[in-house]
Every structure is written in structure tokens, then in C-alpha cells.
Amino acid sequence: MEEIQPRFEFRVWGEHVDAAGALLRRSADALGAPLHSAETYVVALNRSDVNAKIRGGLVDIKVLHTIAEGCEQWFPWTKAEFPLAAALIEAWLPRLGVSSVIPERSAYDFAQFIDEVVRAEPALHAVGVGKVRQRFEVGGCLAETAQVTAEGLELRALAIESTDLDALVEARRRLGLDGMPNLNYPAALKEALGLALDDVR
């Protein structure tokens, strides 16, 4: 079995996207048509090292392995389809910074998981996200621009990803993004939506 290589990621938002996105569209090869998706992020309000999202009926959880050259290296931790077994959810919750929720069902469909597990825990917040993503290849790296809708807010992002840190750093330089802040999706959603542990949901 091929060993999974964790990817380095660098992502900017808002005004930092404009010039880099224009340069990317002029100088890089687009990879297919824009991708449309509806996703749900399970944002852990008291953790910064976990990225959990649900897309296409699949829960995908990544954990932060290291930060180098301003880039975050994320490792795929687990993936699972609905319905989710209670034992699986119990194993996930500590990773999400939660220890107080005890599943009452033997298995959960999507709605039950969001309503009875995520919304029952103040340290978690479910954020519905719509994305329109255009992918590119730049310097051997995968790059993408994204129009993002989250709880009524319109956001825009640009990301570069690679298992090769040096290649990513060079692609970042080519796009004029050196020194720009790197914000992953959970961090950006928390910032944009003003999420905190005392939020009323």
C-alpha cells in the first residue's frame, strides 16, 4: 500500500487573493472546469490543529503535523461515511477538544450527527459552506481560487498545496504571496464569523 504523504498548504483570503489570483489565471494552466460543492465544517472552537469537514456524505478529518516556512503540513487522520457508528464518534471527540458528549444512538446519519452531537457541544460549531473552486497547476504544485459562502458571508480564498515544501515556497514567491498571512479554513471561518466558546447557537 502506498504511504500517504502529508501535504503542505498555504492559503490567503480577501484582498490578498486579488493580485495573486489574476497572476495565477494569466500564467498557470487551469485544471478542468470550476468545481461546485456544498460542505459542512465542524469547527473546534478550542483547537487550532484539527480540520474536520463533511462533503458528499464523507467526514474528512485532518490534523496539523508541523509548520515550516509559514506553511502548514496537514496529515489525513480519518475518513468515514454516514451513518457513523457511536464508537467512531467517541474516538473522534477528544481530537476535536470534546470529552463531555456520550452518543446515545448506536449510529448517526448526517442530520442526527449535526443536531445531536455537534450542536449539543458548546466547543463545536457546524458551518455550512458553499464553494466554487478553480484549480491550477503552478510550479508542480496544486493551486486553487475559491469563492466561498459561509452563513451569509461571501469570502474568497487562494491556496497552494504540495508534498514538496520547497516547490510550494517557490510557487508562493512567484504569486507574490511571501509574507502574507496563512489561514486554514477553520481559522478563517472562526475569524470571519466571530466564533468563540460563549457563542449562542
N, C-alpha and C. Protein backbone atom coordinates (compact mmCIF):
# COMPACT_ATOMS: atom_id res chain seq x y z
N MET A 1 0.85 -1.19 0.00
CA MET A 1 0.00 0.00 0.00
C MET A 1 0.89 1.25 0.00
N GLU A 2 0.54 2.21 -0.86
CA GLU A 2 1.33 3.43 -0.97
C GLU A 2 1.19 4.27 0.30
N GLU A 3 2.31 4.76 0.80
CA GLU A 3 2.29 5.57 2.01
C GLU A 3 1.68 6.93 1.72
N ILE A 4 0.79 7.38 2.61
CA ILE A 4 0.16 8.69 2.46
C ILE A 4 1.16 9.78 2.81
N GLN A 5 1.35 10.72 1.89
CA GLN A 5 2.27 11.83 2.12
C GLN A 5 1.48 13.06 2.57
N PRO A 6 1.74 13.54 3.79
CA PRO A 6 1.02 14.74 4.23
C PRO A 6 1.40 15.93 3.36
N ARG A 7 0.42 16.80 3.07
CA ARG A 7 0.63 17.95 2.20
C ARG A 7 0.90 19.21 3.01
N PHE A 8 1.74 20.06 2.45
CA PHE A 8 1.88 21.41 2.96
C PHE A 8 0.83 22.29 2.28
N GLU A 9 0.27 23.22 3.04
CA GLU A 9 -0.76 24.11 2.49
C GLU A 9 -0.46 25.55 2.88
N PHE A 10 -0.75 26.44 1.95
CA PHE A 10 -0.66 27.88 2.21
C PHE A 10 -1.90 28.52 1.60
N ARG A 11 -2.66 29.26 2.41
CA ARG A 11 -3.95 29.79 1.96
C ARG A 11 -4.11 31.24 2.44
N VAL A 12 -4.50 32.11 1.51
CA VAL A 12 -4.77 33.51 1.84
C VAL A 12 -6.22 33.83 1.52
N TRP A 13 -6.70 34.94 2.11
CA TRP A 13 -8.10 35.31 2.00
C TRP A 13 -8.24 36.80 1.67
N GLY A 14 -9.41 37.15 1.16
CA GLY A 14 -9.77 38.56 0.98
C GLY A 14 -8.89 39.28 -0.02
N GLU A 15 -8.44 40.46 0.35
CA GLU A 15 -7.70 41.31 -0.57
C GLU A 15 -6.38 40.68 -1.02
N HIS A 16 -5.84 39.77 -0.23
CA HIS A 16 -4.59 39.11 -0.60
C HIS A 16 -4.76 38.21 -1.83
N VAL A 17 -6.02 37.88 -2.16
CA VAL A 17 -6.29 36.96 -3.27
C VAL A 17 -6.20 37.67 -4.62
N ASP A 18 -6.55 38.96 -4.68
CA ASP A 18 -6.83 39.62 -5.95
C ASP A 18 -5.66 39.58 -6.93
N ALA A 19 -4.53 40.16 -6.57
CA ALA A 19 -3.39 40.22 -7.50
C ALA A 19 -2.85 38.83 -7.78
N ALA A 20 -2.74 38.00 -6.74
CA ALA A 20 -2.22 36.65 -6.93
C ALA A 20 -3.16 35.82 -7.81
N GLY A 21 -4.46 35.98 -7.62
CA GLY A 21 -5.41 35.24 -8.43
C GLY A 21 -5.35 35.65 -9.89
N ALA A 22 -5.21 36.96 -10.14
CA ALA A 22 -5.09 37.43 -11.52
C ALA A 22 -3.82 36.88 -12.17
N LEU A 23 -2.71 36.88 -11.44
CA LEU A 23 -1.47 36.34 -11.96
C LEU A 23 -1.58 34.85 -12.21
N LEU A 24 -2.25 34.15 -11.31
CA LEU A 24 -2.44 32.71 -11.47
C LEU A 24 -3.24 32.41 -12.73
N ARG A 25 -4.30 33.15 -12.97
CA ARG A 25 -5.13 32.91 -14.15
C ARG A 25 -4.39 33.24 -15.45
N ARG A 26 -3.47 34.20 -15.40
CA ARG A 26 -2.72 34.57 -16.60
C ARG A 26 -1.59 33.59 -16.91
N SER A 27 -0.96 33.05 -15.87
CA SER A 27 0.30 32.35 -16.08
C SER A 27 0.26 30.85 -15.83
N ALA A 28 -0.82 30.33 -15.29
CA ALA A 28 -0.87 28.91 -14.93
C ALA A 28 -1.94 28.20 -15.75
N ASP A 29 -1.84 26.89 -15.79
CA ASP A 29 -2.79 26.07 -16.54
C ASP A 29 -3.96 25.68 -15.64
N ALA A 30 -5.17 26.01 -16.10
CA ALA A 30 -6.37 25.60 -15.36
C ALA A 30 -6.57 24.10 -15.51
N LEU A 31 -6.99 23.47 -14.43
CA LEU A 31 -7.21 22.02 -14.42
C LEU A 31 -8.71 21.75 -14.42
N GLY A 32 -9.31 21.73 -15.59
CA GLY A 32 -10.72 21.41 -15.69
C GLY A 32 -11.62 22.58 -15.40
N ALA A 33 -12.92 22.27 -15.35
CA ALA A 33 -13.95 23.27 -15.10
C ALA A 33 -14.02 23.57 -13.61
N PRO A 34 -14.62 24.72 -13.24
CA PRO A 34 -14.80 25.03 -11.82
C PRO A 34 -15.57 23.93 -11.10
N LEU A 35 -15.22 23.68 -9.85
CA LEU A 35 -15.85 22.66 -9.02
C LEU A 35 -16.80 23.32 -8.03
N HIS A 36 -18.05 22.87 -8.01
CA HIS A 36 -19.05 23.39 -7.08
C HIS A 36 -19.29 22.35 -5.99
N SER A 37 -19.33 22.80 -4.74
CA SER A 37 -19.56 21.85 -3.66
C SER A 37 -20.28 22.52 -2.51
N ALA A 38 -21.05 21.71 -1.77
CA ALA A 38 -21.68 22.13 -0.52
C ALA A 38 -21.07 21.30 0.58
N GLU A 39 -20.54 21.95 1.60
CA GLU A 39 -19.80 21.28 2.65
C GLU A 39 -20.25 21.77 4.02
N THR A 40 -19.92 21.01 5.03
CA THR A 40 -20.14 21.43 6.41
C THR A 40 -18.84 21.26 7.16
N TYR A 41 -18.35 22.35 7.75
CA TYR A 41 -17.16 22.28 8.60
C TYR A 41 -17.60 22.14 10.04
N VAL A 42 -17.00 21.19 10.74
CA VAL A 42 -17.21 21.06 12.18
C VAL A 42 -16.02 21.77 12.83
N VAL A 43 -16.25 22.99 13.25
CA VAL A 43 -15.18 23.84 13.75
C VAL A 43 -15.00 23.61 15.24
N ALA A 44 -13.80 23.20 15.63
CA ALA A 44 -13.46 23.01 17.04
C ALA A 44 -12.98 24.36 17.60
N LEU A 45 -13.79 24.97 18.46
CA LEU A 45 -13.52 26.34 18.88
C LEU A 45 -12.30 26.46 19.78
N ASN A 46 -11.91 25.39 20.46
CA ASN A 46 -10.76 25.49 21.36
C ASN A 46 -9.56 24.69 20.86
N ARG A 47 -9.56 24.37 19.55
CA ARG A 47 -8.42 23.67 18.96
C ARG A 47 -8.03 24.37 17.65
N SER A 48 -6.74 24.40 17.36
CA SER A 48 -6.26 25.00 16.12
C SER A 48 -5.52 23.99 15.26
N ASP A 49 -5.51 22.73 15.68
CA ASP A 49 -4.71 21.72 14.99
C ASP A 49 -5.56 20.63 14.36
N VAL A 50 -6.84 20.93 14.10
CA VAL A 50 -7.72 19.94 13.51
C VAL A 50 -8.62 20.62 12.49
N ASN A 51 -8.84 19.93 11.37
CA ASN A 51 -9.69 20.43 10.29
C ASN A 51 -10.66 19.32 9.93
N ALA A 52 -11.93 19.50 10.30
CA ALA A 52 -12.94 18.47 10.08
C ALA A 52 -14.03 19.02 9.17
N LYS A 53 -14.27 18.35 8.05
CA LYS A 53 -15.33 18.79 7.14
C LYS A 53 -16.10 17.58 6.62
N ILE A 54 -17.30 17.86 6.15
CA ILE A 54 -18.18 16.85 5.60
C ILE A 54 -18.53 17.29 4.19
N ARG A 55 -18.25 16.42 3.22
CA ARG A 55 -18.56 16.72 1.82
C ARG A 55 -18.95 15.43 1.13
N GLY A 56 -20.07 15.47 0.43
CA GLY A 56 -20.51 14.28 -0.31
C GLY A 56 -20.77 13.09 0.58
N GLY A 57 -21.27 13.34 1.80
CA GLY A 57 -21.57 12.24 2.71
C GLY A 57 -20.37 11.62 3.37
N LEU A 58 -19.20 12.26 3.24
CA LEU A 58 -17.97 11.73 3.80
C LEU A 58 -17.38 12.70 4.82
N VAL A 59 -17.09 12.21 6.01
CA VAL A 59 -16.40 13.01 7.02
C VAL A 59 -14.91 12.86 6.80
N ASP A 60 -14.22 13.98 6.71
CA ASP A 60 -12.78 14.00 6.44
C ASP A 60 -12.11 14.84 7.52
N ILE A 61 -11.26 14.23 8.33
CA ILE A 61 -10.58 14.93 9.42
C ILE A 61 -9.08 14.90 9.18
N LYS A 62 -8.45 16.09 9.17
CA LYS A 62 -7.01 16.22 9.05
C LYS A 62 -6.48 16.84 10.33
N VAL A 63 -5.24 16.51 10.67
CA VAL A 63 -4.60 17.09 11.85
C VAL A 63 -3.31 17.78 11.43
N LEU A 64 -2.99 18.86 12.12
CA LEU A 64 -1.80 19.64 11.81
C LEU A 64 -0.57 18.93 12.34
N HIS A 65 0.37 18.66 11.44
CA HIS A 65 1.59 17.95 11.81
C HIS A 65 2.71 18.91 12.19
N THR A 66 2.95 19.90 11.34
CA THR A 66 4.02 20.86 11.62
C THR A 66 3.80 22.12 10.80
N ILE A 67 4.52 23.18 11.14
CA ILE A 67 4.52 24.44 10.38
C ILE A 67 5.96 24.74 10.00
N ALA A 68 6.19 24.96 8.70
CA ALA A 68 7.54 25.24 8.21
C ALA A 68 7.45 26.29 7.11
N GLU A 69 8.33 27.27 7.15
CA GLU A 69 8.35 28.34 6.14
C GLU A 69 6.98 29.00 6.00
N GLY A 70 6.24 29.08 7.11
CA GLY A 70 4.92 29.69 7.07
C GLY A 70 3.84 28.83 6.45
N CYS A 71 4.17 27.57 6.13
CA CYS A 71 3.21 26.65 5.53
C CYS A 71 2.82 25.58 6.54
N GLU A 72 1.57 25.17 6.50
CA GLU A 72 1.07 24.16 7.42
C GLU A 72 1.06 22.79 6.74
N GLN A 73 1.59 21.79 7.43
CA GLN A 73 1.59 20.43 6.91
C GLN A 73 0.48 19.65 7.62
N TRP A 74 -0.52 19.22 6.84
CA TRP A 74 -1.68 18.52 7.38
C TRP A 74 -1.62 17.05 7.02
N PHE A 75 -1.97 16.21 7.99
CA PHE A 75 -1.95 14.76 7.78
C PHE A 75 -3.38 14.22 7.82
N PRO A 76 -3.80 13.47 6.81
CA PRO A 76 -5.13 12.85 6.85
C PRO A 76 -5.23 11.91 8.05
N TRP A 77 -6.19 12.14 8.93
CA TRP A 77 -6.31 11.35 10.15
C TRP A 77 -7.35 10.25 9.99
N THR A 78 -8.53 10.61 9.47
CA THR A 78 -9.56 9.60 9.28
C THR A 78 -10.60 10.09 8.28
N LYS A 79 -11.24 9.14 7.62
CA LYS A 79 -12.38 9.41 6.75
C LYS A 79 -13.43 8.34 7.00
N ALA A 80 -14.69 8.76 6.95
CA ALA A 80 -15.76 7.79 7.18
C ALA A 80 -17.05 8.30 6.54
N GLU A 81 -17.88 7.35 6.11
CA GLU A 81 -19.16 7.68 5.50
C GLU A 81 -20.28 7.54 6.53
N PHE A 82 -21.36 8.28 6.30
CA PHE A 82 -22.56 8.11 7.11
C PHE A 82 -23.29 6.85 6.68
N PRO A 83 -23.97 6.21 7.64
CA PRO A 83 -24.11 6.56 9.07
C PRO A 83 -22.83 6.27 9.85
N LEU A 84 -22.61 7.09 10.89
CA LEU A 84 -21.42 6.98 11.72
C LEU A 84 -21.73 6.18 12.97
N ALA A 85 -20.91 5.18 13.25
CA ALA A 85 -21.08 4.39 14.46
C ALA A 85 -20.73 5.23 15.69
N ALA A 86 -21.44 5.00 16.78
CA ALA A 86 -21.21 5.75 18.01
C ALA A 86 -19.77 5.60 18.49
N ALA A 87 -19.21 4.40 18.36
CA ALA A 87 -17.84 4.16 18.82
C ALA A 87 -16.86 5.02 18.04
N LEU A 88 -17.14 5.24 16.75
CA LEU A 88 -16.27 6.07 15.93
C LEU A 88 -16.35 7.53 16.37
N ILE A 89 -17.55 8.02 16.63
CA ILE A 89 -17.73 9.40 17.09
C ILE A 89 -17.02 9.60 18.42
N GLU A 90 -17.16 8.64 19.34
CA GLU A 90 -16.48 8.75 20.64
C GLU A 90 -14.97 8.84 20.47
N ALA A 91 -14.43 8.16 19.49
CA ALA A 91 -12.98 8.20 19.25
C ALA A 91 -12.56 9.54 18.66
N TRP A 92 -13.46 10.20 17.92
CA TRP A 92 -13.14 11.48 17.30
C TRP A 92 -13.19 12.64 18.28
N LEU A 93 -14.14 12.62 19.20
CA LEU A 93 -14.44 13.81 20.00
C LEU A 93 -13.24 14.37 20.76
N PRO A 94 -12.39 13.54 21.38
CA PRO A 94 -11.21 14.12 22.05
C PRO A 94 -10.30 14.87 21.08
N ARG A 95 -10.19 14.40 19.85
CA ARG A 95 -9.39 15.10 18.85
C ARG A 95 -9.98 16.48 18.56
N LEU A 96 -11.30 16.60 18.68
CA LEU A 96 -11.98 17.87 18.47
C LEU A 96 -12.07 18.71 19.73
N GLY A 97 -11.42 18.25 20.80
CA GLY A 97 -11.41 19.02 22.03
C GLY A 97 -12.63 18.84 22.89
N VAL A 98 -13.32 17.71 22.73
CA VAL A 98 -14.57 17.47 23.44
C VAL A 98 -14.46 16.16 24.22
N SER A 99 -14.88 16.17 25.47
CA SER A 99 -14.86 14.94 26.26
C SER A 99 -16.17 14.67 26.98
N SER A 100 -17.14 15.60 26.85
CA SER A 100 -18.35 15.51 27.67
C SER A 100 -19.53 14.86 26.96
N VAL A 101 -19.45 14.69 25.64
CA VAL A 101 -20.58 14.14 24.89
C VAL A 101 -20.48 12.61 24.82
N ILE A 102 -21.55 11.95 25.23
CA ILE A 102 -21.64 10.49 25.13
C ILE A 102 -22.77 10.17 24.15
N PRO A 103 -22.47 9.61 22.98
CA PRO A 103 -23.51 9.31 21.99
C PRO A 103 -24.59 8.41 22.58
N GLU A 104 -25.84 8.73 22.27
CA GLU A 104 -26.96 7.95 22.78
C GLU A 104 -27.47 6.93 21.76
N ARG A 105 -27.15 7.15 20.49
CA ARG A 105 -27.57 6.22 19.44
C ARG A 105 -26.42 5.26 19.12
N SER A 106 -26.74 4.16 18.47
CA SER A 106 -25.70 3.25 18.02
C SER A 106 -25.05 3.74 16.74
N ALA A 107 -25.80 4.53 15.96
CA ALA A 107 -25.29 5.10 14.72
C ALA A 107 -26.05 6.38 14.41
N TYR A 108 -25.39 7.29 13.66
CA TYR A 108 -25.96 8.61 13.38
C TYR A 108 -25.91 8.91 11.89
N ASP A 109 -27.04 9.38 11.35
CA ASP A 109 -26.99 9.92 10.00
C ASP A 109 -26.50 11.37 10.08
N PHE A 110 -26.39 12.04 8.94
CA PHE A 110 -25.82 13.39 8.92
C PHE A 110 -26.59 14.35 9.83
N ALA A 111 -27.91 14.41 9.67
CA ALA A 111 -28.70 15.36 10.46
C ALA A 111 -28.60 15.06 11.95
N GLN A 112 -28.64 13.80 12.32
CA GLN A 112 -28.54 13.42 13.74
C GLN A 112 -27.17 13.80 14.30
N PHE A 113 -26.13 13.59 13.52
CA PHE A 113 -24.78 13.93 13.98
C PHE A 113 -24.65 15.44 14.23
N ILE A 114 -25.15 16.24 13.29
CA ILE A 114 -25.05 17.70 13.44
C ILE A 114 -25.93 18.18 14.60
N ASP A 115 -27.18 17.73 14.64
CA ASP A 115 -28.14 18.25 15.61
C ASP A 115 -27.89 17.73 17.03
N GLU A 116 -27.54 16.45 17.15
CA GLU A 116 -27.49 15.83 18.47
C GLU A 116 -26.08 15.72 19.05
N VAL A 117 -25.06 15.81 18.20
CA VAL A 117 -23.68 15.73 18.69
C VAL A 117 -23.00 17.08 18.60
N VAL A 118 -22.92 17.63 17.40
CA VAL A 118 -22.18 18.89 17.21
C VAL A 118 -22.88 20.04 17.92
N ARG A 119 -24.17 20.22 17.68
CA ARG A 119 -24.87 21.37 18.27
C ARG A 119 -25.11 21.20 19.77
N ALA A 120 -24.92 19.99 20.28
CA ALA A 120 -25.08 19.77 21.72
C ALA A 120 -23.82 20.16 22.49
N GLU A 121 -22.74 20.46 21.79
CA GLU A 121 -21.46 20.72 22.45
C GLU A 121 -21.01 22.16 22.17
N PRO A 122 -20.91 23.01 23.22
CA PRO A 122 -20.52 24.41 23.01
C PRO A 122 -19.15 24.59 22.36
N ALA A 123 -18.27 23.61 22.46
CA ALA A 123 -16.93 23.74 21.89
C ALA A 123 -16.88 23.42 20.40
N LEU A 124 -18.05 23.05 19.81
CA LEU A 124 -18.11 22.75 18.39
C LEU A 124 -19.12 23.66 17.71
N HIS A 125 -18.88 23.95 16.45
CA HIS A 125 -19.80 24.79 15.68
C HIS A 125 -19.86 24.25 14.26
N ALA A 126 -21.06 23.97 13.78
CA ALA A 126 -21.26 23.49 12.41
C ALA A 126 -21.46 24.69 11.49
N VAL A 127 -20.66 24.77 10.44
CA VAL A 127 -20.74 25.88 9.49
C VAL A 127 -20.99 25.31 8.10
N GLY A 128 -22.15 25.66 7.54
CA GLY A 128 -22.43 25.28 6.16
C GLY A 128 -21.67 26.17 5.21
N VAL A 129 -20.96 25.57 4.27
CA VAL A 129 -20.08 26.30 3.36
C VAL A 129 -20.36 25.88 1.92
N GLY A 130 -20.53 26.87 1.05
CA GLY A 130 -20.62 26.61 -0.38
C GLY A 130 -19.34 27.09 -1.04
N LYS A 131 -18.83 26.30 -1.98
CA LYS A 131 -17.57 26.66 -2.65
C LYS A 131 -17.71 26.53 -4.16
N VAL A 132 -17.07 27.47 -4.85
CA VAL A 132 -16.82 27.33 -6.28
C VAL A 132 -15.31 27.46 -6.45
N ARG A 133 -14.65 26.35 -6.82
CA ARG A 133 -13.19 26.29 -6.85
C ARG A 133 -12.68 26.09 -8.28
N GLN A 134 -11.65 26.84 -8.62
CA GLN A 134 -10.95 26.64 -9.89
C GLN A 134 -9.53 26.23 -9.59
N ARG A 135 -9.14 25.07 -10.10
CA ARG A 135 -7.80 24.53 -9.82
C ARG A 135 -6.82 24.86 -10.94
N PHE A 136 -5.55 25.00 -10.53
CA PHE A 136 -4.46 25.31 -11.45
C PHE A 136 -3.24 24.48 -11.06
N GLU A 137 -2.31 24.37 -12.00
CA GLU A 137 -1.00 23.81 -11.71
C GLU A 137 0.02 24.92 -11.85
N VAL A 138 0.82 25.10 -10.80
CA VAL A 138 1.84 26.14 -10.83
C VAL A 138 3.11 25.60 -10.17
N GLY A 139 4.18 25.53 -10.94
CA GLY A 139 5.46 25.07 -10.40
C GLY A 139 5.42 23.70 -9.78
N GLY A 140 4.62 22.79 -10.35
CA GLY A 140 4.49 21.45 -9.79
C GLY A 140 3.58 21.36 -8.59
N CYS A 141 2.94 22.45 -8.22
CA CYS A 141 2.02 22.47 -7.07
C CYS A 141 0.58 22.60 -7.56
N LEU A 142 -0.34 22.17 -6.73
CA LEU A 142 -1.76 22.39 -6.97
C LEU A 142 -2.14 23.72 -6.34
N ALA A 143 -2.78 24.58 -7.13
CA ALA A 143 -3.27 25.85 -6.61
C ALA A 143 -4.75 25.96 -6.94
N GLU A 144 -5.48 26.73 -6.14
CA GLU A 144 -6.88 26.94 -6.47
C GLU A 144 -7.36 28.27 -5.93
N THR A 145 -8.27 28.87 -6.68
CA THR A 145 -9.01 30.02 -6.20
C THR A 145 -10.39 29.52 -5.79
N ALA A 146 -10.99 30.16 -4.81
CA ALA A 146 -12.29 29.71 -4.32
C ALA A 146 -13.17 30.89 -3.95
N GLN A 147 -14.41 30.86 -4.43
CA GLN A 147 -15.45 31.75 -3.95
C GLN A 147 -16.22 30.97 -2.89
N VAL A 148 -16.27 31.51 -1.70
CA VAL A 148 -16.78 30.77 -0.54
C VAL A 148 -17.96 31.52 0.08
N THR A 149 -19.03 30.79 0.35
CA THR A 149 -20.18 31.35 1.08
C THR A 149 -20.31 30.61 2.40
N ALA A 150 -20.35 31.39 3.50
CA ALA A 150 -20.45 30.78 4.83
C ALA A 150 -21.39 31.60 5.69
N GLU A 151 -22.54 31.04 6.03
CA GLU A 151 -23.54 31.69 6.87
C GLU A 151 -23.83 33.11 6.39
N GLY A 152 -24.05 33.24 5.08
CA GLY A 152 -24.42 34.51 4.51
C GLY A 152 -23.26 35.41 4.12
N LEU A 153 -22.06 35.07 4.52
CA LEU A 153 -20.88 35.86 4.17
C LEU A 153 -20.27 35.36 2.87
N GLU A 154 -19.82 36.31 2.04
CA GLU A 154 -19.12 35.98 0.80
C GLU A 154 -17.62 36.20 1.04
N LEU A 155 -16.84 35.13 0.86
CA LEU A 155 -15.40 35.17 1.09
C LEU A 155 -14.69 34.68 -0.16
N ARG A 156 -13.42 35.02 -0.30
CA ARG A 156 -12.63 34.50 -1.40
C ARG A 156 -11.27 34.07 -0.87
N ALA A 157 -10.78 32.97 -1.43
CA ALA A 157 -9.53 32.39 -0.94
C ALA A 157 -8.68 31.93 -2.11
N LEU A 158 -7.38 31.82 -1.86
CA LEU A 158 -6.44 31.24 -2.82
C LEU A 158 -5.49 30.35 -2.04
N ALA A 159 -5.31 29.12 -2.52
CA ALA A 159 -4.48 28.15 -1.81
C ALA A 159 -3.46 27.54 -2.75
N ILE A 160 -2.32 27.17 -2.16
CA ILE A 160 -1.29 26.39 -2.85
C ILE A 160 -1.00 25.19 -1.97
N GLU A 161 -0.92 23.99 -2.59
CA GLU A 161 -0.69 22.76 -1.83
C GLU A 161 0.36 21.91 -2.53
N SER A 162 1.18 21.22 -1.74
CA SER A 162 2.16 20.30 -2.30
C SER A 162 2.76 19.47 -1.17
N THR A 163 3.22 18.27 -1.51
CA THR A 163 4.01 17.49 -0.56
C THR A 163 5.45 18.00 -0.52
N ASP A 164 5.82 18.82 -1.50
CA ASP A 164 7.18 19.36 -1.63
C ASP A 164 7.20 20.79 -1.10
N LEU A 165 7.76 21.00 0.08
CA LEU A 165 7.76 22.32 0.70
C LEU A 165 8.51 23.34 -0.14
N ASP A 166 9.66 22.96 -0.68
CA ASP A 166 10.45 23.91 -1.47
C ASP A 166 9.68 24.38 -2.70
N ALA A 167 8.99 23.46 -3.35
CA ALA A 167 8.20 23.83 -4.53
C ALA A 167 7.07 24.78 -4.14
N LEU A 168 6.43 24.52 -3.00
CA LEU A 168 5.34 25.39 -2.55
C LEU A 168 5.87 26.79 -2.25
N VAL A 169 6.98 26.88 -1.55
CA VAL A 169 7.56 28.19 -1.21
C VAL A 169 7.90 28.97 -2.48
N GLU A 170 8.43 28.28 -3.49
CA GLU A 170 8.77 28.95 -4.75
C GLU A 170 7.50 29.41 -5.48
N ALA A 171 6.45 28.58 -5.48
CA ALA A 171 5.19 28.97 -6.11
C ALA A 171 4.57 30.16 -5.38
N ARG A 172 4.67 30.17 -4.07
CA ARG A 172 4.17 31.31 -3.29
C ARG A 172 4.91 32.59 -3.67
N ARG A 173 6.22 32.47 -3.84
CA ARG A 173 7.02 33.65 -4.23
C ARG A 173 6.59 34.15 -5.60
N ARG A 174 6.41 33.22 -6.54
CA ARG A 174 6.02 33.59 -7.90
C ARG A 174 4.69 34.32 -7.93
N LEU A 175 3.81 33.99 -7.00
CA LEU A 175 2.48 34.62 -6.96
C LEU A 175 2.46 35.87 -6.08
N GLY A 176 3.62 36.28 -5.57
CA GLY A 176 3.70 37.50 -4.78
C GLY A 176 3.07 37.40 -3.41
N LEU A 177 3.08 36.21 -2.82
CA LEU A 177 2.39 35.99 -1.54
C LEU A 177 3.34 35.84 -0.36
N ASP A 178 4.63 36.05 -0.56
CA ASP A 178 5.56 35.99 0.57
C ASP A 178 5.17 37.03 1.63
N GLY A 179 5.17 36.59 2.89
CA GLY A 179 4.83 37.50 3.98
C GLY A 179 3.36 37.66 4.24
N MET A 180 2.50 37.06 3.41
CA MET A 180 1.06 37.16 3.62
C MET A 180 0.62 36.15 4.70
N PRO A 181 -0.46 36.45 5.42
CA PRO A 181 -0.91 35.53 6.47
C PRO A 181 -1.50 34.25 5.90
N ASN A 182 -1.14 33.12 6.49
CA ASN A 182 -1.65 31.81 6.09
C ASN A 182 -2.77 31.42 7.05
N LEU A 183 -4.00 31.29 6.52
CA LEU A 183 -5.14 30.92 7.36
C LEU A 183 -5.83 29.70 6.76
N ASN A 184 -5.88 28.62 7.52
CA ASN A 184 -6.63 27.44 7.08
C ASN A 184 -8.13 27.70 7.21
N TYR A 185 -8.95 26.80 6.69
CA TYR A 185 -10.40 27.02 6.69
C TYR A 185 -10.98 27.20 8.09
N PRO A 186 -10.70 26.31 9.06
CA PRO A 186 -11.28 26.53 10.40
C PRO A 186 -10.89 27.87 10.99
N ALA A 187 -9.62 28.27 10.86
CA ALA A 187 -9.19 29.56 11.41
C ALA A 187 -9.87 30.71 10.71
N ALA A 188 -9.99 30.64 9.39
CA ALA A 188 -10.63 31.71 8.64
C ALA A 188 -12.12 31.82 8.97
N LEU A 189 -12.79 30.67 9.14
CA LEU A 189 -14.22 30.70 9.49
C LEU A 189 -14.42 31.27 10.88
N LYS A 190 -13.57 30.88 11.82
CA LYS A 190 -13.69 31.44 13.17
C LYS A 190 -13.50 32.94 13.15
N GLU A 191 -12.54 33.41 12.37
CA GLU A 191 -12.28 34.85 12.30
C GLU A 191 -13.42 35.59 11.61
N ALA A 192 -13.87 35.08 10.48
CA ALA A 192 -14.92 35.77 9.71
C ALA A 192 -16.25 35.80 10.43
N LEU A 193 -16.58 34.71 11.13
CA LEU A 193 -17.87 34.60 11.80
C LEU A 193 -17.83 35.02 13.26
N GLY A 194 -16.65 35.37 13.76
CA GLY A 194 -16.52 35.80 15.15
C GLY A 194 -16.89 34.71 16.13
N LEU A 195 -16.48 33.47 15.84
CA LEU A 195 -16.87 32.36 16.69
C LEU A 195 -16.02 32.30 17.96
N ALA A 196 -16.66 32.05 19.07
CA ALA A 196 -15.99 31.89 20.35
C ALA A 196 -16.79 30.89 21.18
N LEU A 197 -16.17 30.42 22.25
CA LEU A 197 -16.81 29.38 23.06
C LEU A 197 -18.12 29.84 23.70
N ASP A 198 -18.30 31.15 23.90
CA ASP A 198 -19.51 31.62 24.56
C ASP A 198 -20.59 32.01 23.56
N ASP A 199 -20.38 31.70 22.25
CA ASP A 199 -21.41 32.00 21.26
C ASP A 199 -22.67 31.21 21.57
N VAL A 200 -23.83 31.83 21.35
CA VAL A 200 -25.11 31.15 21.45
C VAL A 200 -25.48 30.69 20.05
N ARG A 201 -25.74 29.39 19.91
CA ARG A 201 -26.07 28.87 18.58
C ARG A 201 -27.50 28.38 18.56
